[in-house]
Amino acid sequence: MIREIGSMVSLHVGSKLYDALKDDDNVIYLFIETARSEDLFDDKQFGEFGEAAILTILVDEKDEDEVFSKIYEYSDLPNADNGIIFTGQPIGNYL
């Protein structure tokens, strides 16, 4: 089954994360969007708002923990207010 891992992180972290995951054999699909957020990040380039990256990552269920851990550690979430990551319910089979 396929799992979605979602992530909203600062744009700087998101760009580096995208580059790190784009060639990962455990990642089936990777998509990045940019936005602005007023409450998730310490770094605010636009007054009350900071630049954000929204990543959608599709992985096989068996690889979910490994990829989630990479995102968590690479984003330095335990030590900085860089964003959030989450997973959802299985969304289908990978052919």
PDB file of N, CA and C in Angstrom:
ATOM      1  N   MET A   1       0.838  -1.186   0.000  1.00  0.00           N
ATOM      2  CA  MET A   1       0.000   0.000   0.000  1.00  0.00           C
ATOM      3  C   MET A   1       0.887   1.255   0.000  1.00  0.00           C
ATOM      4  N   ILE A   2       0.365   2.284  -0.577  1.00  0.00           N
ATOM      5  CA  ILE A   2       1.073   3.565  -0.632  1.00  0.00           C
ATOM      6  C   ILE A   2       0.647   4.423   0.552  1.00  0.00           C
ATOM      7  N   ARG A   3       1.613   5.123   1.119  1.00  0.00           N
ATOM      8  CA  ARG A   3       1.353   6.100   2.176  1.00  0.00           C
ATOM      9  C   ARG A   3       1.819   7.472   1.708  1.00  0.00           C
ATOM     10  N   GLU A   4       1.077   8.486   2.112  1.00  0.00           N
ATOM     11  CA  GLU A   4       1.479   9.861   1.855  1.00  0.00           C
ATOM     12  C   GLU A   4       2.139  10.414   3.106  1.00  0.00           C
ATOM     13  N   ILE A   5       3.272  11.052   2.913  1.00  0.00           N
ATOM     14  CA  ILE A   5       3.906  11.818   3.985  1.00  0.00           C
ATOM     15  C   ILE A   5       3.820  13.265   3.550  1.00  0.00           C
ATOM     16  N   GLY A   6       3.239  14.086   4.389  1.00  0.00           N
ATOM     17  CA  GLY A   6       3.118  15.506   4.098  1.00  0.00           C
ATOM     18  C   GLY A   6       4.045  16.297   4.992  1.00  0.00           C
ATOM     19  N   SER A   7       4.532  17.400   4.491  1.00  0.00           N
ATOM     20  CA  SER A   7       5.461  18.208   5.255  1.00  0.00           C
ATOM     21  C   SER A   7       5.294  19.667   4.876  1.00  0.00           C
ATOM     22  N   MET A   8       5.209  20.523   5.879  1.00  0.00           N
ATOM     23  CA  MET A   8       5.253  21.965   5.657  1.00  0.00           C
ATOM     24  C   MET A   8       6.416  22.478   6.476  1.00  0.00           C
ATOM     25  N   VAL A   9       7.449  22.896   5.782  1.00  0.00           N
ATOM     26  CA  VAL A   9       8.681  23.344   6.426  1.00  0.00           C
ATOM     27  C   VAL A   9       9.096  24.683   5.834  1.00  0.00           C
ATOM     28  N   SER A  10      10.084  25.312   6.436  1.00  0.00           N
ATOM     29  CA  SER A  10      10.576  26.561   5.866  1.00  0.00           C
ATOM     30  C   SER A  10      11.102  26.289   4.461  1.00  0.00           C
ATOM     31  N   LEU A  11      11.048  27.279   3.600  1.00  0.00           N
ATOM     32  CA  LEU A  11      11.451  27.097   2.209  1.00  0.00           C
ATOM     33  C   LEU A  11      12.900  26.640   2.099  1.00  0.00           C
ATOM     34  N   HIS A  12      13.762  27.194   2.916  1.00  0.00           N
ATOM     35  CA  HIS A  12      15.178  26.808   2.890  1.00  0.00           C
ATOM     36  C   HIS A  12      15.335  25.321   3.195  1.00  0.00           C
ATOM     37  N   VAL A  13      14.693  24.845   4.237  1.00  0.00           N
ATOM     38  CA  VAL A  13      14.753  23.430   4.613  1.00  0.00           C
ATOM     39  C   VAL A  13      14.063  22.576   3.552  1.00  0.00           C
ATOM     40  N   GLY A  14      12.912  23.017   3.048  1.00  0.00           N
ATOM     41  CA  GLY A  14      12.169  22.259   2.050  1.00  0.00           C
ATOM     42  C   GLY A  14      12.939  22.052   0.761  1.00  0.00           C
ATOM     43  N   SER A  15      13.663  23.075   0.316  1.00  0.00           N
ATOM     44  CA  SER A  15      14.463  22.945  -0.903  1.00  0.00           C
ATOM     45  C   SER A  15      15.577  21.918  -0.723  1.00  0.00           C
ATOM     46  N   LYS A  16      16.247  21.966   0.423  1.00  0.00           N
ATOM     47  CA  LYS A  16      17.299  20.988   0.701  1.00  0.00           C
ATOM     48  C   LYS A  16      16.717  19.584   0.856  1.00  0.00           C
ATOM     49  N   LEU A  17      15.561  19.494   1.488  1.00  0.00           N
ATOM     50  CA  LEU A  17      14.901  18.210   1.667  1.00  0.00           C
ATOM     51  C   LEU A  17      14.496  17.617   0.319  1.00  0.00           C
ATOM     52  N   TYR A  18      13.953  18.438  -0.561  1.00  0.00           N
ATOM     53  CA  TYR A  18      13.586  17.986  -1.903  1.00  0.00           C
ATOM     54  C   TYR A  18      14.811  17.426  -2.630  1.00  0.00           C
ATOM     55  N   ASP A  19      15.911  18.160  -2.588  1.00  0.00           N
ATOM     56  CA  ASP A  19      17.135  17.704  -3.256  1.00  0.00           C
ATOM     57  C   ASP A  19      17.639  16.388  -2.666  1.00  0.00           C
ATOM     58  N   ALA A  20      17.482  16.212  -1.360  1.00  0.00           N
ATOM     59  CA  ALA A  20      17.954  14.990  -0.705  1.00  0.00           C
ATOM     60  C   ALA A  20      17.078  13.787  -1.033  1.00  0.00           C
ATOM     61  N   LEU A  21      15.773  14.005  -1.256  1.00  0.00           N
ATOM     62  CA  LEU A  21      14.842  12.891  -1.470  1.00  0.00           C
ATOM     63  C   LEU A  21      14.561  12.575  -2.939  1.00  0.00           C
ATOM     64  N   LYS A  22      14.887  13.481  -3.848  1.00  0.00           N
ATOM     65  CA  LYS A  22      14.485  13.282  -5.249  1.00  0.00           C
ATOM     66  C   LYS A  22      15.115  12.043  -5.882  1.00  0.00           C
ATOM     67  N   ASP A  23      16.255  11.610  -5.394  1.00  0.00           N
ATOM     68  CA  ASP A  23      16.906  10.414  -5.938  1.00  0.00           C
ATOM     69  C   ASP A  23      16.837   9.222  -4.990  1.00  0.00           C
ATOM     70  N   ASP A  24      16.030   9.339  -3.928  1.00  0.00           N
ATOM     71  CA  ASP A  24      15.891   8.256  -2.950  1.00  0.00           C
ATOM     72  C   ASP A  24      15.055   7.131  -3.562  1.00  0.00           C
ATOM     73  N   ASP A  25      15.587   5.925  -3.565  1.00  0.00           N
ATOM     74  CA  ASP A  25      14.887   4.780  -4.152  1.00  0.00           C
ATOM     75  C   ASP A  25      13.609   4.411  -3.408  1.00  0.00           C
ATOM     76  N   ASN A  26      13.447   4.851  -2.166  1.00  0.00           N
ATOM     77  CA  ASN A  26      12.248   4.552  -1.385  1.00  0.00           C
ATOM     78  C   ASN A  26      11.106   5.527  -1.660  1.00  0.00           C
ATOM     79  N   VAL A  27      11.372   6.590  -2.393  1.00  0.00           N
ATOM     80  CA  VAL A  27      10.361   7.605  -2.693  1.00  0.00           C
ATOM     81  C   VAL A  27       9.754   7.312  -4.064  1.00  0.00           C
ATOM     82  N   ILE A  28       8.436   7.105  -4.089  1.00  0.00           N
ATOM     83  CA  ILE A  28       7.717   6.837  -5.331  1.00  0.00           C
ATOM     84  C   ILE A  28       7.415   8.149  -6.059  1.00  0.00           C
ATOM     85  N   TYR A  29       7.016   9.158  -5.297  1.00  0.00           N
ATOM     86  CA  TYR A  29       6.618  10.442  -5.871  1.00  0.00           C
ATOM     87  C   TYR A  29       6.991  11.544  -4.896  1.00  0.00           C
ATOM     88  N   LEU A  30       7.460  12.672  -5.430  1.00  0.00           N
ATOM     89  CA  LEU A  30       7.850  13.808  -4.603  1.00  0.00           C
ATOM     90  C   LEU A  30       7.405  15.083  -5.301  1.00  0.00           C
ATOM     91  N   PHE A  31       6.683  15.931  -4.590  1.00  0.00           N
ATOM     92  CA  PHE A  31       6.173  17.175  -5.159  1.00  0.00           C
ATOM     93  C   PHE A  31       6.399  18.285  -4.146  1.00  0.00           C
ATOM     94  N   ILE A  32       6.789  19.460  -4.623  1.00  0.00           N
ATOM     95  CA  ILE A  32       7.005  20.605  -3.735  1.00  0.00           C
ATOM     96  C   ILE A  32       6.212  21.807  -4.251  1.00  0.00           C
ATOM     97  N   GLU A  33       5.599  22.525  -3.317  1.00  0.00           N
ATOM     98  CA  GLU A  33       4.908  23.779  -3.600  1.00  0.00           C
ATOM     99  C   GLU A  33       5.462  24.817  -2.634  1.00  0.00           C
ATOM    100  N   THR A  34       5.360  26.068  -2.979  1.00  0.00           N
ATOM    101  CA  THR A  34       5.798  27.124  -2.074  1.00  0.00           C
ATOM    102  C   THR A  34       4.611  27.967  -1.634  1.00  0.00           C
ATOM    103  N   ALA A  35       4.742  28.554  -0.448  1.00  0.00           N
ATOM    104  CA  ALA A  35       3.664  29.359   0.127  1.00  0.00           C
ATOM    105  C   ALA A  35       4.269  30.282   1.181  1.00  0.00           C
ATOM    106  N   ARG A  36       3.410  30.938   1.932  1.00  0.00           N
ATOM    107  CA  ARG A  36       3.850  31.748   3.074  1.00  0.00           C
ATOM    108  C   ARG A  36       3.027  31.345   4.289  1.00  0.00           C
ATOM    109  N   SER A  37       3.671  31.414   5.442  1.00  0.00           N
ATOM    110  CA  SER A  37       3.009  31.039   6.688  1.00  0.00           C
ATOM    111  C   SER A  37       3.308  32.097   7.736  1.00  0.00           C
ATOM    112  N   GLU A  38       2.328  32.354   8.601  1.00  0.00           N
ATOM    113  CA  GLU A  38       2.550  33.360   9.628  1.00  0.00           C
ATOM    114  C   GLU A  38       2.857  32.775  11.008  1.00  0.00           C
ATOM    115  N   ASP A  39       2.742  31.449  11.177  1.00  0.00           N
ATOM    116  CA  ASP A  39       2.873  30.953  12.541  1.00  0.00           C
ATOM    117  C   ASP A  39       3.800  29.759  12.738  1.00  0.00           C
ATOM    118  N   LEU A  40       4.322  29.149  11.708  1.00  0.00           N
ATOM    119  CA  LEU A  40       5.107  27.930  11.895  1.00  0.00           C
ATOM    120  C   LEU A  40       6.600  28.151  12.075  1.00  0.00           C
ATOM    121  N   PHE A  41       7.132  29.252  11.616  1.00  0.00           N
ATOM    122  CA  PHE A  41       8.573  29.394  11.551  1.00  0.00           C
ATOM    123  C   PHE A  41       9.089  30.581  12.353  1.00  0.00           C
ATOM    124  N   ASP A  42      10.298  30.413  12.882  1.00  0.00           N
ATOM    125  CA  ASP A  42      10.970  31.517  13.565  1.00  0.00           C
ATOM    126  C   ASP A  42      11.429  32.571  12.563  1.00  0.00           C
ATOM    127  N   ASP A  43      11.926  32.123  11.403  1.00  0.00           N
ATOM    128  CA  ASP A  43      12.460  33.015  10.387  1.00  0.00           C
ATOM    129  C   ASP A  43      11.322  33.596   9.559  1.00  0.00           C
ATOM    130  N   LYS A  44      11.150  34.906   9.614  1.00  0.00           N
ATOM    131  CA  LYS A  44      10.062  35.569   8.892  1.00  0.00           C
ATOM    132  C   LYS A  44      10.669  36.632   7.972  1.00  0.00           C
ATOM    133  N   GLN A  45      10.682  36.331   6.678  1.00  0.00           N
ATOM    134  CA  GLN A  45      11.286  37.225   5.708  1.00  0.00           C
ATOM    135  C   GLN A  45      10.354  38.363   5.288  1.00  0.00           C
ATOM    136  N   PHE A  46       9.065  38.226   5.548  1.00  0.00           N
ATOM    137  CA  PHE A  46       8.079  39.205   5.074  1.00  0.00           C
ATOM    138  C   PHE A  46       7.247  39.720   6.239  1.00  0.00           C
ATOM    139  N   GLY A  47       7.877  40.386   7.177  1.00  0.00           N
ATOM    140  CA  GLY A  47       7.160  40.913   8.331  1.00  0.00           C
ATOM    141  C   GLY A  47       6.644  39.795   9.207  1.00  0.00           C
ATOM    142  N   GLU A  48       5.339  39.547   9.167  1.00  0.00           N
ATOM    143  CA  GLU A  48       4.723  38.495   9.976  1.00  0.00           C
ATOM    144  C   GLU A  48       4.775  37.128   9.299  1.00  0.00           C
ATOM    145  N   PHE A  49       5.231  37.060   8.056  1.00  0.00           N
ATOM    146  CA  PHE A  49       5.167  35.824   7.285  1.00  0.00           C
ATOM    147  C   PHE A  49       6.549  35.295   6.939  1.00  0.00           C
ATOM    148  N   GLY A  50       6.632  33.967   6.887  1.00  0.00           N
ATOM    149  CA  GLY A  50       7.851  33.301   6.449  1.00  0.00           C
ATOM    150  C   GLY A  50       7.560  32.456   5.226  1.00  0.00           C
ATOM    151  N   GLU A  51       8.575  32.253   4.398  1.00  0.00           N
ATOM    152  CA  GLU A  51       8.404  31.420   3.215  1.00  0.00           C
ATOM    153  C   GLU A  51       8.364  29.952   3.616  1.00  0.00           C
ATOM    154  N   ALA A  52       7.466  29.206   2.985  1.00  0.00           N
ATOM    155  CA  ALA A  52       7.257  27.802   3.329  1.00  0.00           C
ATOM    156  C   ALA A  52       7.352  26.924   2.086  1.00  0.00           C
ATOM    157  N   ALA A  53       7.680  25.667   2.330  1.00  0.00           N
ATOM    158  CA  ALA A  53       7.647  24.636   1.288  1.00  0.00           C
ATOM    159  C   ALA A  53       6.687  23.558   1.758  1.00  0.00           C
ATOM    160  N   ILE A  54       5.773  23.174   0.887  1.00  0.00           N
ATOM    161  CA  ILE A  54       4.831  22.103   1.184  1.00  0.00           C
ATOM    162  C   ILE A  54       5.239  20.924   0.316  1.00  0.00           C
ATOM    163  N   LEU A  55       5.668  19.832   0.972  1.00  0.00           N
ATOM    164  CA  LEU A  55       6.110  18.649   0.246  1.00  0.00           C
ATOM    165  C   LEU A  55       5.094  17.538   0.385  1.00  0.00           C
ATOM    166  N   THR A  56       4.822  16.870  -0.725  1.00  0.00           N
ATOM    167  CA  THR A  56       4.003  15.666  -0.746  1.00  0.00           C
ATOM    168  C   THR A  56       4.914  14.536  -1.190  1.00  0.00           C
ATOM    169  N   ILE A  57       5.032  13.516  -0.353  1.00  0.00           N
ATOM    170  CA  ILE A  57       5.919  12.402  -0.622  1.00  0.00           C
ATOM    171  C   ILE A  57       5.102  11.125  -0.568  1.00  0.00           C
ATOM    172  N   LEU A  58       5.144  10.325  -1.635  1.00  0.00           N
ATOM    173  CA  LEU A  58       4.472   9.033  -1.645  1.00  0.00           C
ATOM    174  C   LEU A  58       5.525   7.943  -1.523  1.00  0.00           C
ATOM    175  N   VAL A  59       5.276   7.014  -0.600  1.00  0.00           N
ATOM    176  CA  VAL A  59       6.203   5.914  -0.348  1.00  0.00           C
ATOM    177  C   VAL A  59       5.422   4.620  -0.175  1.00  0.00           C
ATOM    178  N   ASP A  60       6.094   3.509  -0.390  1.00  0.00           N
ATOM    179  CA  ASP A  60       5.500   2.222  -0.067  1.00  0.00           C
ATOM    180  C   ASP A  60       5.403   2.141   1.459  1.00  0.00           C
ATOM    181  N   GLU A  61       4.346   1.532   1.941  1.00  0.00           N
ATOM    182  CA  GLU A  61       4.103   1.440   3.387  1.00  0.00           C
ATOM    183  C   GLU A  61       5.307   0.879   4.148  1.00  0.00           C
ATOM    184  N   LYS A  62       6.022  -0.060   3.561  1.00  0.00           N
ATOM    185  CA  LYS A  62       7.165  -0.675   4.240  1.00  0.00           C
ATOM    186  C   LYS A  62       8.331   0.306   4.401  1.00  0.00           C
ATOM    187  N   ASP A  63       8.366   1.383   3.608  1.00  0.00           N
ATOM    188  CA  ASP A  63       9.443   2.367   3.660  1.00  0.00           C
ATOM    189  C   ASP A  63       9.060   3.632   4.420  1.00  0.00           C
ATOM    190  N   GLU A  64       7.829   3.689   4.906  1.00  0.00           N
ATOM    191  CA  GLU A  64       7.312   4.903   5.530  1.00  0.00           C
ATOM    192  C   GLU A  64       8.156   5.373   6.709  1.00  0.00           C
ATOM    193  N   ASP A  65       8.470   4.485   7.638  1.00  0.00           N
ATOM    194  CA  ASP A  65       9.223   4.879   8.829  1.00  0.00           C
ATOM    195  C   ASP A  65      10.613   5.409   8.481  1.00  0.00           C
ATOM    196  N   GLU A  66      11.266   4.748   7.533  1.00  0.00           N
ATOM    197  CA  GLU A  66      12.615   5.172   7.146  1.00  0.00           C
ATOM    198  C   GLU A  66      12.599   6.568   6.522  1.00  0.00           C
ATOM    199  N   VAL A  67      11.687   6.805   5.594  1.00  0.00           N
ATOM    200  CA  VAL A  67      11.608   8.111   4.927  1.00  0.00           C
ATOM    201  C   VAL A  67      11.142   9.177   5.917  1.00  0.00           C
ATOM    202  N   PHE A  68      10.167   8.869   6.760  1.00  0.00           N
ATOM    203  CA  PHE A  68       9.687   9.817   7.765  1.00  0.00           C
ATOM    204  C   PHE A  68      10.839  10.235   8.676  1.00  0.00           C
ATOM    205  N   SER A  69      11.648   9.283   9.105  1.00  0.00           N
ATOM    206  CA  SER A  69      12.795   9.573   9.978  1.00  0.00           C
ATOM    207  C   SER A  69      13.805  10.476   9.285  1.00  0.00           C
ATOM    208  N   LYS A  70      14.047  10.239   7.998  1.00  0.00           N
ATOM    209  CA  LYS A  70      14.966  11.093   7.244  1.00  0.00           C
ATOM    210  C   LYS A  70      14.459  12.534   7.222  1.00  0.00           C
ATOM    211  N   ILE A  71      13.169  12.687   6.955  1.00  0.00           N
ATOM    212  CA  ILE A  71      12.584  14.032   6.907  1.00  0.00           C
ATOM    213  C   ILE A  71      12.686  14.707   8.270  1.00  0.00           C
ATOM    214  N   TYR A  72      12.346  13.981   9.309  1.00  0.00           N
ATOM    215  CA  TYR A  72      12.366  14.509  10.671  1.00  0.00           C
ATOM    216  C   TYR A  72      13.769  14.972  11.055  1.00  0.00           C
ATOM    217  N   GLU A  73      14.750  14.127  10.814  1.00  0.00           N
ATOM    218  CA  GLU A  73      16.119  14.461  11.186  1.00  0.00           C
ATOM    219  C   GLU A  73      16.696  15.562  10.299  1.00  0.00           C
ATOM    220  N   TYR A  74      16.480  15.477   8.999  1.00  0.00           N
ATOM    221  CA  TYR A  74      17.032  16.460   8.081  1.00  0.00           C
ATOM    222  C   TYR A  74      16.429  17.850   8.308  1.00  0.00           C
ATOM    223  N   SER A  75      15.168  17.889   8.709  1.00  0.00           N
ATOM    224  CA  SER A  75      14.494  19.165   8.964  1.00  0.00           C
ATOM    225  C   SER A  75      14.873  19.767  10.303  1.00  0.00           C
ATOM    226  N   ASP A  76      15.579  18.999  11.131  1.00  0.00           N
ATOM    227  CA  ASP A  76      16.010  19.439  12.465  1.00  0.00           C
ATOM    228  C   ASP A  76      14.812  19.858  13.325  1.00  0.00           C
ATOM    229  N   LEU A  77      13.696  19.143  13.169  1.00  0.00           N
ATOM    230  CA  LEU A  77      12.479  19.488  13.908  1.00  0.00           C
ATOM    231  C   LEU A  77      12.617  19.381  15.424  1.00  0.00           C
ATOM    232  N   PRO A  78      13.463  18.491  15.962  1.00  0.00           N
ATOM    233  CA  PRO A  78      13.576  18.454  17.422  1.00  0.00           C
ATOM    234  C   PRO A  78      14.210  19.712  18.017  1.00  0.00           C
ATOM    235  N   ASN A  79      14.969  20.461  17.193  1.00  0.00           N
ATOM    236  CA  ASN A  79      15.737  21.586  17.730  1.00  0.00           C
ATOM    237  C   ASN A  79      15.318  22.961  17.227  1.00  0.00           C
ATOM    238  N   ALA A  80      14.493  23.026  16.201  1.00  0.00           N
ATOM    239  CA  ALA A  80      14.142  24.321  15.619  1.00  0.00           C
ATOM    240  C   ALA A  80      12.683  24.319  15.165  1.00  0.00           C
ATOM    241  N   ASP A  81      12.094  25.501  15.130  1.00  0.00           N
ATOM    242  CA  ASP A  81      10.724  25.648  14.635  1.00  0.00           C
ATOM    243  C   ASP A  81      10.758  25.756  13.111  1.00  0.00           C
ATOM    244  N   ASN A  82      11.016  24.619  12.450  1.00  0.00           N
ATOM    245  CA  ASN A  82      11.137  24.597  10.999  1.00  0.00           C
ATOM    246  C   ASN A  82       9.876  24.109  10.307  1.00  0.00           C
ATOM    247  N   GLY A  83       8.867  23.601  11.040  1.00  0.00           N
ATOM    248  CA  GLY A  83       7.646  23.157  10.387  1.00  0.00           C
ATOM    249  C   GLY A  83       7.043  21.924  11.015  1.00  0.00           C
ATOM    250  N   ILE A  84       6.255  21.197  10.209  1.00  0.00           N
ATOM    251  CA  ILE A  84       5.569  19.987  10.667  1.00  0.00           C
ATOM    252  C   ILE A  84       5.653  18.908   9.585  1.00  0.00           C
ATOM    253  N   ILE A  85       5.527  17.645  10.012  1.00  0.00           N
ATOM    254  CA  ILE A  85       5.391  16.529   9.077  1.00  0.00           C
ATOM    255  C   ILE A  85       4.279  15.622   9.597  1.00  0.00           C
ATOM    256  N   PHE A  86       3.632  14.898   8.681  1.00  0.00           N
ATOM    257  CA  PHE A  86       2.531  14.020   9.078  1.00  0.00           C
ATOM    258  C   PHE A  86       2.367  12.909   8.055  1.00  0.00           C
ATOM    259  N   THR A  87       1.707  11.845   8.450  1.00  0.00           N
ATOM    260  CA  THR A  87       1.356  10.763   7.526  1.00  0.00           C
ATOM    261  C   THR A  87      -0.150  10.563   7.580  1.00  0.00           C
ATOM    262  N   GLY A  88      -0.665   9.930   6.538  1.00  0.00           N
ATOM    263  CA  GLY A  88      -2.087   9.660   6.466  1.00  0.00           C
ATOM    264  C   GLY A  88      -2.362   8.173   6.375  1.00  0.00           C
ATOM    265  N   GLN A  89      -3.596   7.845   6.108  1.00  0.00           N
ATOM    266  CA  GLN A  89      -4.005   6.455   5.917  1.00  0.00           C
ATOM    267  C   GLN A  89      -3.471   5.945   4.582  1.00  0.00           C
ATOM    268  N   PRO A  90      -3.360   4.626   4.421  1.00  0.00           N
ATOM    269  CA  PRO A  90      -2.959   4.087   3.121  1.00  0.00           C
ATOM    270  C   PRO A  90      -3.891   4.596   2.018  1.00  0.00           C
ATOM    271  N   ILE A  91      -3.328   4.915   0.837  1.00  0.00           N
ATOM    272  CA  ILE A  91      -4.158   5.488  -0.218  1.00  0.00           C
ATOM    273  C   ILE A  91      -4.284   4.611  -1.450  1.00  0.00           C
ATOM    274  N   GLY A  92      -3.663   3.446  -1.474  1.00  0.00           N
ATOM    275  CA  GLY A  92      -3.812   2.563  -2.624  1.00  0.00           C
ATOM    276  C   GLY A  92      -2.593   1.701  -2.830  1.00  0.00           C
ATOM    277  N   ASN A  93      -2.657   0.880  -3.838  1.00  0.00           N
ATOM    278  CA  ASN A  93      -1.552  -0.012  -4.162  1.00  0.00           C
ATOM    279  C   ASN A  93      -0.634   0.627  -5.191  1.00  0.00           C
ATOM    280  N   TYR A  94       0.622   0.263  -5.102  1.00  0.00           N
ATOM    281  CA  TYR A  94       1.622   0.722  -6.054  1.00  0.00           C
ATOM    282  C   TYR A  94       1.864  -0.389  -7.055  1.00  0.00           C
ATOM    283  N   LEU A  95       1.722  -0.080  -8.310  1.00  0.00           N
ATOM    284  CA  LEU A  95       1.887  -1.102  -9.349  1.00  0.00           C
ATOM    285  C   LEU A  95       3.324  -1.183  -9.797  1.00  0.00           C
TER     286      LEU A  95
END
